N, C-alpha and C. Protein backbone atom coordinates (compact mmCIF):
# COMPACT_ATOMS: atom_id res chain seq x y z
N MET A 1 9.75 1.72 -7.78
CA MET A 1 8.50 2.16 -7.17
C MET A 1 8.51 1.88 -5.67
N ILE A 2 9.00 0.70 -5.30
CA ILE A 2 9.05 0.33 -3.88
C ILE A 2 9.94 1.33 -3.12
N ASP A 3 11.05 1.73 -3.75
CA ASP A 3 11.95 2.68 -3.10
C ASP A 3 11.27 4.01 -2.84
N GLN A 4 10.46 4.47 -3.79
CA GLN A 4 9.74 5.74 -3.62
C GLN A 4 8.71 5.64 -2.50
N ILE A 5 8.04 4.50 -2.43
CA ILE A 5 7.07 4.30 -1.35
C ILE A 5 7.79 4.23 -0.01
N GLN A 6 8.95 3.56 0.03
CA GLN A 6 9.72 3.48 1.27
C GLN A 6 10.19 4.86 1.72
N GLN A 7 10.51 5.75 0.78
CA GLN A 7 10.89 7.12 1.13
C GLN A 7 9.73 7.84 1.81
N ILE A 8 8.53 7.61 1.30
CA ILE A 8 7.34 8.22 1.92
C ILE A 8 7.16 7.65 3.33
N VAL A 9 7.32 6.34 3.45
CA VAL A 9 7.22 5.69 4.77
C VAL A 9 8.23 6.31 5.73
N ASN A 10 9.48 6.42 5.31
CA ASN A 10 10.52 6.98 6.18
C ASN A 10 10.22 8.42 6.58
N GLN A 11 9.79 9.22 5.61
CA GLN A 11 9.49 10.63 5.86
C GLN A 11 8.36 10.78 6.87
N LEU A 12 7.27 10.09 6.63
CA LEU A 12 6.11 10.23 7.52
C LEU A 12 6.36 9.58 8.88
N THR A 13 7.10 8.47 8.90
CA THR A 13 7.40 7.80 10.16
C THR A 13 8.27 8.69 11.04
N GLU A 14 9.29 9.29 10.44
CA GLU A 14 10.18 10.18 11.20
C GLU A 14 9.38 11.32 11.83
N LYS A 15 8.48 11.90 11.05
CA LYS A 15 7.64 13.00 11.55
C LYS A 15 6.73 12.51 12.68
N GLU A 16 6.10 11.36 12.48
CA GLU A 16 5.15 10.83 13.47
C GLU A 16 5.86 10.41 14.76
N VAL A 17 7.03 9.77 14.64
CA VAL A 17 7.79 9.36 15.82
C VAL A 17 8.27 10.60 16.58
N GLY A 18 8.72 11.62 15.84
CA GLY A 18 9.17 12.85 16.47
C GLY A 18 8.10 13.54 17.29
N GLY A 19 6.85 13.36 16.90
CA GLY A 19 5.74 13.97 17.61
C GLY A 19 5.08 13.07 18.63
N ASN A 20 5.65 11.88 18.85
CA ASN A 20 5.04 10.92 19.77
C ASN A 20 5.96 10.73 20.97
N ALA A 21 5.53 11.22 22.12
CA ALA A 21 6.34 11.14 23.34
C ALA A 21 6.54 9.71 23.82
N ASN A 22 5.71 8.76 23.37
CA ASN A 22 5.80 7.37 23.81
C ASN A 22 6.77 6.53 22.98
N ILE A 23 7.33 7.10 21.91
CA ILE A 23 8.26 6.36 21.06
C ILE A 23 9.57 7.14 21.01
N SER A 24 10.64 6.49 21.44
CA SER A 24 11.95 7.12 21.43
C SER A 24 12.41 7.38 19.99
N ASN A 25 13.02 8.53 19.77
CA ASN A 25 13.54 8.86 18.45
C ASN A 25 14.58 7.84 17.99
N ASP A 26 15.25 7.18 18.94
CA ASP A 26 16.23 6.15 18.61
C ASP A 26 15.60 4.96 17.90
N LEU A 27 14.31 4.78 18.07
CA LEU A 27 13.60 3.65 17.46
C LEU A 27 13.03 3.97 16.08
N ALA A 28 13.20 5.20 15.61
CA ALA A 28 12.57 5.63 14.36
C ALA A 28 12.94 4.72 13.19
N GLY A 29 14.18 4.32 13.07
CA GLY A 29 14.60 3.44 11.97
C GLY A 29 13.91 2.09 12.02
N ASN A 30 13.83 1.50 13.21
CA ASN A 30 13.15 0.21 13.36
C ASN A 30 11.66 0.33 13.11
N VAL A 31 11.08 1.43 13.57
CA VAL A 31 9.65 1.65 13.37
C VAL A 31 9.36 1.82 11.87
N ALA A 32 10.21 2.58 11.17
CA ALA A 32 10.04 2.78 9.73
C ALA A 32 10.18 1.46 8.98
N LYS A 33 11.15 0.65 9.38
CA LYS A 33 11.34 -0.66 8.73
C LYS A 33 10.10 -1.53 8.89
N GLU A 34 9.58 -1.64 10.09
CA GLU A 34 8.41 -2.47 10.34
C GLU A 34 7.17 -1.89 9.65
N THR A 35 7.09 -0.57 9.59
CA THR A 35 5.96 0.08 8.91
C THR A 35 5.98 -0.26 7.43
N GLY A 36 7.14 -0.11 6.80
CA GLY A 36 7.28 -0.44 5.38
C GLY A 36 7.00 -1.89 5.09
N ASN A 37 7.55 -2.77 5.94
CA ASN A 37 7.32 -4.21 5.74
C ASN A 37 5.84 -4.57 5.87
N SER A 38 5.18 -4.04 6.87
CA SER A 38 3.76 -4.34 7.08
C SER A 38 2.91 -3.83 5.93
N LEU A 39 3.23 -2.63 5.47
CA LEU A 39 2.48 -2.04 4.36
C LEU A 39 2.63 -2.89 3.10
N MET A 40 3.85 -3.20 2.72
CA MET A 40 4.08 -3.94 1.48
C MET A 40 3.53 -5.36 1.57
N GLU A 41 3.72 -6.02 2.71
CA GLU A 41 3.17 -7.37 2.88
C GLU A 41 1.65 -7.37 2.78
N GLY A 42 1.02 -6.39 3.40
CA GLY A 42 -0.44 -6.31 3.37
C GLY A 42 -0.97 -6.09 1.97
N LEU A 43 -0.32 -5.20 1.23
CA LEU A 43 -0.75 -4.93 -0.15
C LEU A 43 -0.46 -6.13 -1.05
N GLN A 44 0.69 -6.76 -0.86
CA GLN A 44 1.02 -7.95 -1.66
C GLN A 44 0.05 -9.08 -1.39
N ASN A 45 -0.33 -9.26 -0.13
CA ASN A 45 -1.31 -10.30 0.21
C ASN A 45 -2.65 -10.02 -0.45
N ALA A 46 -3.05 -8.76 -0.51
CA ALA A 46 -4.32 -8.41 -1.16
C ALA A 46 -4.26 -8.71 -2.65
N VAL A 47 -3.13 -8.39 -3.29
CA VAL A 47 -2.99 -8.66 -4.73
C VAL A 47 -2.96 -10.15 -4.98
N SER A 48 -2.12 -10.87 -4.24
CA SER A 48 -1.99 -12.32 -4.49
C SER A 48 -3.26 -13.07 -4.10
N GLY A 49 -4.02 -12.53 -3.15
CA GLY A 49 -5.27 -13.16 -2.74
C GLY A 49 -6.45 -12.79 -3.63
N GLY A 50 -6.20 -11.94 -4.60
CA GLY A 50 -7.26 -11.56 -5.53
C GLY A 50 -8.32 -10.64 -4.95
N ASN A 51 -7.97 -9.88 -3.92
CA ASN A 51 -8.93 -8.99 -3.28
C ASN A 51 -9.09 -7.71 -4.10
N MET A 52 -9.62 -7.86 -5.29
CA MET A 52 -9.74 -6.73 -6.22
C MET A 52 -10.73 -5.68 -5.72
N ASP A 53 -11.82 -6.11 -5.09
CA ASP A 53 -12.80 -5.14 -4.57
C ASP A 53 -12.16 -4.26 -3.51
N GLY A 54 -11.42 -4.87 -2.59
CA GLY A 54 -10.76 -4.10 -1.55
C GLY A 54 -9.72 -3.16 -2.09
N LEU A 55 -8.94 -3.63 -3.07
CA LEU A 55 -7.95 -2.77 -3.70
C LEU A 55 -8.60 -1.63 -4.46
N MET A 56 -9.69 -1.96 -5.18
CA MET A 56 -10.40 -0.95 -5.94
C MET A 56 -10.92 0.14 -5.01
N ASN A 57 -11.51 -0.26 -3.90
CA ASN A 57 -12.02 0.72 -2.94
C ASN A 57 -10.88 1.56 -2.36
N MET A 58 -9.76 0.89 -2.07
CA MET A 58 -8.63 1.61 -1.51
C MET A 58 -8.04 2.58 -2.53
N PHE A 59 -7.83 2.11 -3.77
CA PHE A 59 -7.26 2.98 -4.79
C PHE A 59 -8.20 4.11 -5.16
N GLY A 60 -9.47 3.96 -4.90
CA GLY A 60 -10.45 4.98 -5.25
C GLY A 60 -10.56 6.09 -4.23
N SER A 61 -9.78 6.03 -3.15
CA SER A 61 -9.93 7.02 -2.09
C SER A 61 -8.58 7.55 -1.63
N THR A 62 -8.53 8.83 -1.34
CA THR A 62 -7.35 9.40 -0.68
C THR A 62 -7.75 9.99 0.67
N ASP A 63 -9.00 9.82 1.05
CA ASP A 63 -9.49 10.32 2.32
C ASP A 63 -9.04 9.39 3.44
N VAL A 64 -8.30 9.93 4.40
CA VAL A 64 -7.74 9.13 5.48
C VAL A 64 -8.84 8.40 6.25
N ASN A 65 -9.97 9.05 6.49
CA ASN A 65 -11.04 8.43 7.26
C ASN A 65 -11.65 7.23 6.55
N SER A 66 -11.86 7.33 5.23
CA SER A 66 -12.44 6.19 4.51
C SER A 66 -11.42 5.07 4.36
N LEU A 67 -10.14 5.40 4.33
CA LEU A 67 -9.12 4.36 4.24
C LEU A 67 -9.14 3.45 5.47
N THR A 68 -9.39 4.02 6.64
CA THR A 68 -9.34 3.22 7.87
C THR A 68 -10.46 2.19 7.93
N SER A 69 -11.50 2.34 7.14
CA SER A 69 -12.58 1.37 7.14
C SER A 69 -12.36 0.25 6.11
N ASN A 70 -11.33 0.38 5.28
CA ASN A 70 -11.03 -0.63 4.27
C ASN A 70 -10.42 -1.86 4.94
N PRO A 71 -10.93 -3.07 4.65
CA PRO A 71 -10.40 -4.29 5.29
C PRO A 71 -8.91 -4.51 5.04
N ILE A 72 -8.41 -4.15 3.88
CA ILE A 72 -6.98 -4.31 3.61
C ILE A 72 -6.18 -3.41 4.54
N VAL A 73 -6.63 -2.19 4.70
CA VAL A 73 -5.95 -1.23 5.56
C VAL A 73 -6.03 -1.70 7.01
N LYS A 74 -7.18 -2.21 7.42
CA LYS A 74 -7.32 -2.74 8.78
C LYS A 74 -6.33 -3.87 9.04
N ASN A 75 -6.15 -4.77 8.06
CA ASN A 75 -5.19 -5.86 8.21
C ASN A 75 -3.76 -5.35 8.32
N ILE A 76 -3.43 -4.33 7.54
CA ILE A 76 -2.09 -3.75 7.60
C ILE A 76 -1.85 -3.11 8.97
N ILE A 77 -2.85 -2.41 9.48
CA ILE A 77 -2.73 -1.77 10.80
C ILE A 77 -2.55 -2.83 11.88
N GLU A 78 -3.32 -3.91 11.81
CA GLU A 78 -3.18 -4.99 12.78
C GLU A 78 -1.79 -5.63 12.72
N SER A 79 -1.30 -5.85 11.51
CA SER A 79 0.03 -6.44 11.34
C SER A 79 1.11 -5.53 11.91
N LEU A 80 1.03 -4.24 11.60
CA LEU A 80 2.02 -3.29 12.10
C LEU A 80 1.96 -3.20 13.62
N THR A 81 0.77 -3.17 14.18
CA THR A 81 0.62 -3.12 15.63
C THR A 81 1.34 -4.30 16.28
N SER A 82 1.13 -5.48 15.73
CA SER A 82 1.78 -6.68 16.25
C SER A 82 3.30 -6.60 16.12
N LYS A 83 3.78 -6.19 14.95
CA LYS A 83 5.23 -6.11 14.71
C LYS A 83 5.91 -5.07 15.59
N LEU A 84 5.24 -3.94 15.80
CA LEU A 84 5.83 -2.92 16.65
C LEU A 84 5.94 -3.40 18.10
N GLY A 85 5.00 -4.23 18.52
CA GLY A 85 5.06 -4.80 19.85
C GLY A 85 6.13 -5.87 19.97
N SER A 86 6.12 -6.81 19.05
CA SER A 86 7.04 -7.95 19.17
C SER A 86 8.46 -7.65 18.69
N ASN A 87 8.62 -6.84 17.66
CA ASN A 87 9.95 -6.61 17.10
C ASN A 87 10.62 -5.33 17.57
N VAL A 88 9.83 -4.34 17.99
CA VAL A 88 10.41 -3.07 18.41
C VAL A 88 10.29 -2.88 19.92
N GLY A 89 9.32 -3.57 20.54
CA GLY A 89 9.16 -3.51 21.98
C GLY A 89 8.23 -2.42 22.48
N LEU A 90 7.38 -1.91 21.59
CA LEU A 90 6.42 -0.89 22.03
C LEU A 90 5.23 -1.56 22.70
N ASP A 91 4.60 -0.86 23.64
CA ASP A 91 3.42 -1.43 24.28
C ASP A 91 2.25 -1.40 23.30
N ALA A 92 1.22 -2.18 23.62
CA ALA A 92 0.09 -2.36 22.70
C ALA A 92 -0.63 -1.05 22.38
N GLY A 93 -0.82 -0.21 23.37
CA GLY A 93 -1.52 1.06 23.14
C GLY A 93 -0.74 1.98 22.21
N THR A 94 0.56 2.08 22.45
CA THR A 94 1.40 2.92 21.60
C THR A 94 1.48 2.37 20.19
N SER A 95 1.66 1.05 20.09
CA SER A 95 1.74 0.40 18.77
C SER A 95 0.46 0.60 17.98
N GLY A 96 -0.67 0.36 18.63
CA GLY A 96 -1.96 0.49 17.95
C GLY A 96 -2.26 1.91 17.53
N GLY A 97 -1.97 2.86 18.40
CA GLY A 97 -2.20 4.26 18.07
C GLY A 97 -1.33 4.72 16.92
N PHE A 98 -0.05 4.32 16.96
CA PHE A 98 0.86 4.71 15.89
C PHE A 98 0.43 4.10 14.56
N ALA A 99 0.14 2.79 14.56
CA ALA A 99 -0.25 2.09 13.33
C ALA A 99 -1.53 2.68 12.75
N SER A 100 -2.50 2.97 13.60
CA SER A 100 -3.78 3.51 13.15
C SER A 100 -3.63 4.90 12.55
N SER A 101 -2.60 5.60 12.96
CA SER A 101 -2.36 6.94 12.45
C SER A 101 -1.51 6.93 11.18
N ILE A 102 -0.41 6.16 11.19
CA ILE A 102 0.58 6.25 10.11
C ILE A 102 0.15 5.57 8.82
N ILE A 103 -0.48 4.40 8.91
CA ILE A 103 -0.82 3.66 7.69
C ILE A 103 -1.79 4.45 6.80
N PRO A 104 -2.86 5.00 7.31
CA PRO A 104 -3.73 5.80 6.44
C PRO A 104 -3.03 7.03 5.86
N GLN A 105 -2.13 7.64 6.63
CA GLN A 105 -1.38 8.80 6.11
C GLN A 105 -0.51 8.39 4.92
N ILE A 106 0.20 7.29 5.07
CA ILE A 106 1.09 6.81 4.01
C ILE A 106 0.28 6.47 2.76
N LEU A 107 -0.78 5.69 2.95
CA LEU A 107 -1.59 5.29 1.80
C LEU A 107 -2.23 6.50 1.13
N SER A 108 -2.68 7.45 1.90
CA SER A 108 -3.28 8.65 1.34
C SER A 108 -2.26 9.40 0.47
N MET A 109 -1.03 9.50 0.95
CA MET A 109 0.00 10.19 0.18
C MET A 109 0.35 9.41 -1.09
N VAL A 110 0.52 8.10 -0.97
CA VAL A 110 0.85 7.27 -2.14
C VAL A 110 -0.27 7.32 -3.18
N LEU A 111 -1.50 7.16 -2.74
CA LEU A 111 -2.63 7.17 -3.66
C LEU A 111 -2.83 8.55 -4.27
N GLY A 112 -2.57 9.60 -3.51
CA GLY A 112 -2.64 10.95 -4.04
C GLY A 112 -1.60 11.16 -5.14
N LYS A 113 -0.40 10.64 -4.94
CA LYS A 113 0.65 10.76 -5.96
C LYS A 113 0.29 9.95 -7.20
N ALA A 114 -0.37 8.81 -7.01
CA ALA A 114 -0.79 8.01 -8.16
C ALA A 114 -1.86 8.75 -8.95
N LYS A 115 -2.79 9.35 -8.27
CA LYS A 115 -3.86 10.08 -8.96
C LYS A 115 -3.35 11.32 -9.67
N SER A 116 -2.31 11.95 -9.11
CA SER A 116 -1.76 13.16 -9.73
C SER A 116 -0.81 12.85 -10.88
N GLY A 117 -0.49 11.56 -11.04
CA GLY A 117 0.42 11.17 -12.12
C GLY A 117 1.87 11.05 -11.70
N ASP A 118 2.19 11.38 -10.44
CA ASP A 118 3.57 11.24 -9.96
C ASP A 118 3.99 9.78 -9.86
N PHE A 119 3.04 8.90 -9.57
CA PHE A 119 3.27 7.46 -9.52
C PHE A 119 2.42 6.82 -10.60
N ASN A 120 2.90 5.74 -11.18
CA ASN A 120 2.18 5.01 -12.20
C ASN A 120 1.48 3.82 -11.54
N ILE A 121 0.18 3.75 -11.70
CA ILE A 121 -0.60 2.67 -11.08
C ILE A 121 -0.15 1.30 -11.56
N GLY A 122 0.23 1.19 -12.83
CA GLY A 122 0.73 -0.09 -13.36
C GLY A 122 2.01 -0.51 -12.67
N ASP A 123 2.89 0.46 -12.39
CA ASP A 123 4.13 0.15 -11.69
C ASP A 123 3.86 -0.29 -10.26
N ILE A 124 2.91 0.38 -9.61
CA ILE A 124 2.56 0.00 -8.24
C ILE A 124 2.02 -1.43 -8.23
N LEU A 125 1.07 -1.72 -9.11
CA LEU A 125 0.49 -3.06 -9.17
C LEU A 125 1.55 -4.10 -9.54
N GLY A 126 2.42 -3.75 -10.47
CA GLY A 126 3.48 -4.66 -10.87
C GLY A 126 4.43 -4.96 -9.73
N SER A 127 4.79 -3.94 -8.97
CA SER A 127 5.67 -4.11 -7.82
C SER A 127 5.03 -5.02 -6.78
N LEU A 128 3.74 -4.85 -6.58
CA LEU A 128 3.04 -5.66 -5.58
C LEU A 128 2.88 -7.11 -6.01
N SER A 129 2.83 -7.34 -7.32
CA SER A 129 2.65 -8.71 -7.79
C SER A 129 3.97 -9.43 -7.98
N GLY A 130 5.08 -8.76 -7.66
CA GLY A 130 6.38 -9.39 -7.76
C GLY A 130 7.14 -9.00 -9.00
N GLY A 131 6.53 -8.27 -9.90
CA GLY A 131 7.22 -7.81 -11.10
C GLY A 131 7.86 -6.47 -10.84
N GLY A 132 8.80 -6.09 -11.67
CA GLY A 132 9.46 -4.82 -11.52
C GLY A 132 8.62 -3.69 -12.06
N ASN A 133 7.66 -4.01 -12.91
CA ASN A 133 6.78 -2.98 -13.45
C ASN A 133 5.42 -3.61 -13.67
N GLY A 134 4.53 -2.87 -14.26
CA GLY A 134 3.16 -3.34 -14.43
C GLY A 134 3.01 -4.43 -15.48
N SER A 135 4.08 -4.74 -16.22
CA SER A 135 3.92 -5.68 -17.32
C SER A 135 3.57 -7.09 -16.85
N SER A 136 3.98 -7.48 -15.64
CA SER A 136 3.64 -8.82 -15.17
C SER A 136 2.13 -8.98 -14.98
N ILE A 137 1.47 -7.92 -14.61
CA ILE A 137 0.01 -7.96 -14.48
C ILE A 137 -0.64 -7.77 -15.85
N LEU A 138 -0.06 -6.90 -16.66
CA LEU A 138 -0.67 -6.56 -17.93
C LEU A 138 -0.49 -7.65 -18.98
N ASP A 139 0.56 -8.47 -18.87
CA ASP A 139 0.81 -9.53 -19.84
C ASP A 139 -0.13 -10.70 -19.55
N GLN A 140 -1.36 -10.58 -20.02
CA GLN A 140 -2.42 -11.54 -19.71
C GLN A 140 -2.20 -12.91 -20.34
N ASN A 141 -1.56 -12.96 -21.52
CA ASN A 141 -1.39 -14.25 -22.17
C ASN A 141 -0.03 -14.87 -21.90
N GLY A 142 0.81 -14.21 -21.12
CA GLY A 142 2.07 -14.77 -20.69
C GLY A 142 3.13 -14.91 -21.78
N ASP A 143 3.02 -14.13 -22.85
CA ASP A 143 4.00 -14.26 -23.94
C ASP A 143 5.21 -13.35 -23.76
N GLY A 144 5.28 -12.61 -22.64
CA GLY A 144 6.41 -11.74 -22.38
C GLY A 144 6.29 -10.38 -23.02
N LYS A 145 5.23 -10.14 -23.74
CA LYS A 145 5.00 -8.86 -24.40
C LYS A 145 3.63 -8.32 -23.99
N VAL A 146 3.54 -7.02 -23.93
CA VAL A 146 2.25 -6.41 -23.63
C VAL A 146 1.72 -5.80 -24.91
N GLY A 147 0.60 -6.32 -25.36
CA GLY A 147 0.00 -5.85 -26.61
C GLY A 147 -1.47 -5.57 -26.44
N ILE A 148 -2.11 -5.24 -27.53
CA ILE A 148 -3.53 -4.91 -27.50
C ILE A 148 -4.36 -6.10 -27.05
N ASP A 149 -3.93 -7.32 -27.42
CA ASP A 149 -4.67 -8.51 -26.99
C ASP A 149 -4.64 -8.65 -25.47
N ASP A 150 -3.51 -8.28 -24.85
CA ASP A 150 -3.42 -8.32 -23.40
C ASP A 150 -4.34 -7.28 -22.77
N ALA A 151 -4.37 -6.09 -23.36
CA ALA A 151 -5.22 -5.02 -22.83
C ALA A 151 -6.69 -5.42 -22.89
N ILE A 152 -7.09 -5.98 -24.01
CA ILE A 152 -8.49 -6.40 -24.16
C ILE A 152 -8.81 -7.49 -23.15
N SER A 153 -7.91 -8.44 -23.01
CA SER A 153 -8.12 -9.54 -22.08
C SER A 153 -8.18 -9.05 -20.63
N ALA A 154 -7.28 -8.13 -20.28
CA ALA A 154 -7.25 -7.62 -18.91
C ALA A 154 -8.55 -6.92 -18.55
N VAL A 155 -9.07 -6.16 -19.49
CA VAL A 155 -10.30 -5.41 -19.21
C VAL A 155 -11.52 -6.32 -19.23
N THR A 156 -11.58 -7.24 -20.20
CA THR A 156 -12.77 -8.08 -20.30
C THR A 156 -12.84 -9.15 -19.22
N LYS A 157 -11.70 -9.60 -18.71
CA LYS A 157 -11.70 -10.59 -17.64
C LYS A 157 -12.12 -9.97 -16.31
N GLY A 158 -12.06 -8.66 -16.24
CA GLY A 158 -12.59 -7.99 -15.05
C GLY A 158 -11.58 -7.43 -14.09
N GLY A 159 -10.65 -8.22 -13.59
CA GLY A 159 -9.78 -7.80 -12.50
C GLY A 159 -9.10 -6.46 -12.69
N LEU A 160 -8.29 -6.33 -13.73
CA LEU A 160 -7.58 -5.08 -13.94
C LEU A 160 -8.54 -3.96 -14.31
N GLY A 161 -9.51 -4.26 -15.11
CA GLY A 161 -10.49 -3.24 -15.47
C GLY A 161 -11.22 -2.72 -14.25
N ASP A 162 -11.56 -3.62 -13.32
CA ASP A 162 -12.22 -3.19 -12.10
C ASP A 162 -11.32 -2.28 -11.27
N ILE A 163 -10.05 -2.67 -11.15
CA ILE A 163 -9.12 -1.85 -10.36
C ILE A 163 -8.96 -0.49 -10.98
N LEU A 164 -8.64 -0.46 -12.29
CA LEU A 164 -8.41 0.82 -12.94
C LEU A 164 -9.67 1.67 -12.99
N GLY A 165 -10.80 1.04 -13.21
CA GLY A 165 -12.06 1.79 -13.21
C GLY A 165 -12.33 2.41 -11.87
N GLY A 166 -12.09 1.67 -10.80
CA GLY A 166 -12.27 2.20 -9.45
C GLY A 166 -11.26 3.26 -9.12
N PHE A 167 -10.06 3.11 -9.64
CA PHE A 167 -9.01 4.07 -9.36
C PHE A 167 -9.31 5.43 -9.97
N PHE A 168 -9.83 5.43 -11.19
CA PHE A 168 -10.03 6.69 -11.88
C PHE A 168 -11.41 7.30 -11.70
N LYS A 169 -12.30 6.63 -10.98
CA LYS A 169 -13.63 7.21 -10.78
C LYS A 169 -13.53 8.45 -9.91
N LYS A 170 -14.42 9.34 -10.09
CA LYS A 170 -14.38 10.61 -9.34
C LYS A 170 -15.45 10.58 -8.28
């Protein structure tokens, strides 16, 4: 799942860098690397920090404008802006403008693919929580198996039910 998200990052970053006169095309690889790192770190921090409301709101939207108001997305943009300045050498204005544009585009595409069924939300959540698939999140009782008891527990305890409910709302 992470590889598929990184492909989206690379694709959109290449397009965005190509259209930005302030960023040399030679830096596209470094910019894509920092973009992917900032995105994954920001999402992982939200999962590990238990920010279920923020994730639910983010997963519930594919609109680029509403994504930019999400606190998780704002943190990712701030992180990328900083990394592009310190690690790639871009000035603050260029870094901020690029980050503010690219992160909502990437998230919108990823969330759109999840809603259309191209991506599995369990796999995304599992990848973010450190597991290879959604089973690390879904295995509520820690027995290494995902069963009906885990599903009931996940929904009744709130966290996963809140995320999935927010994700599938129309």
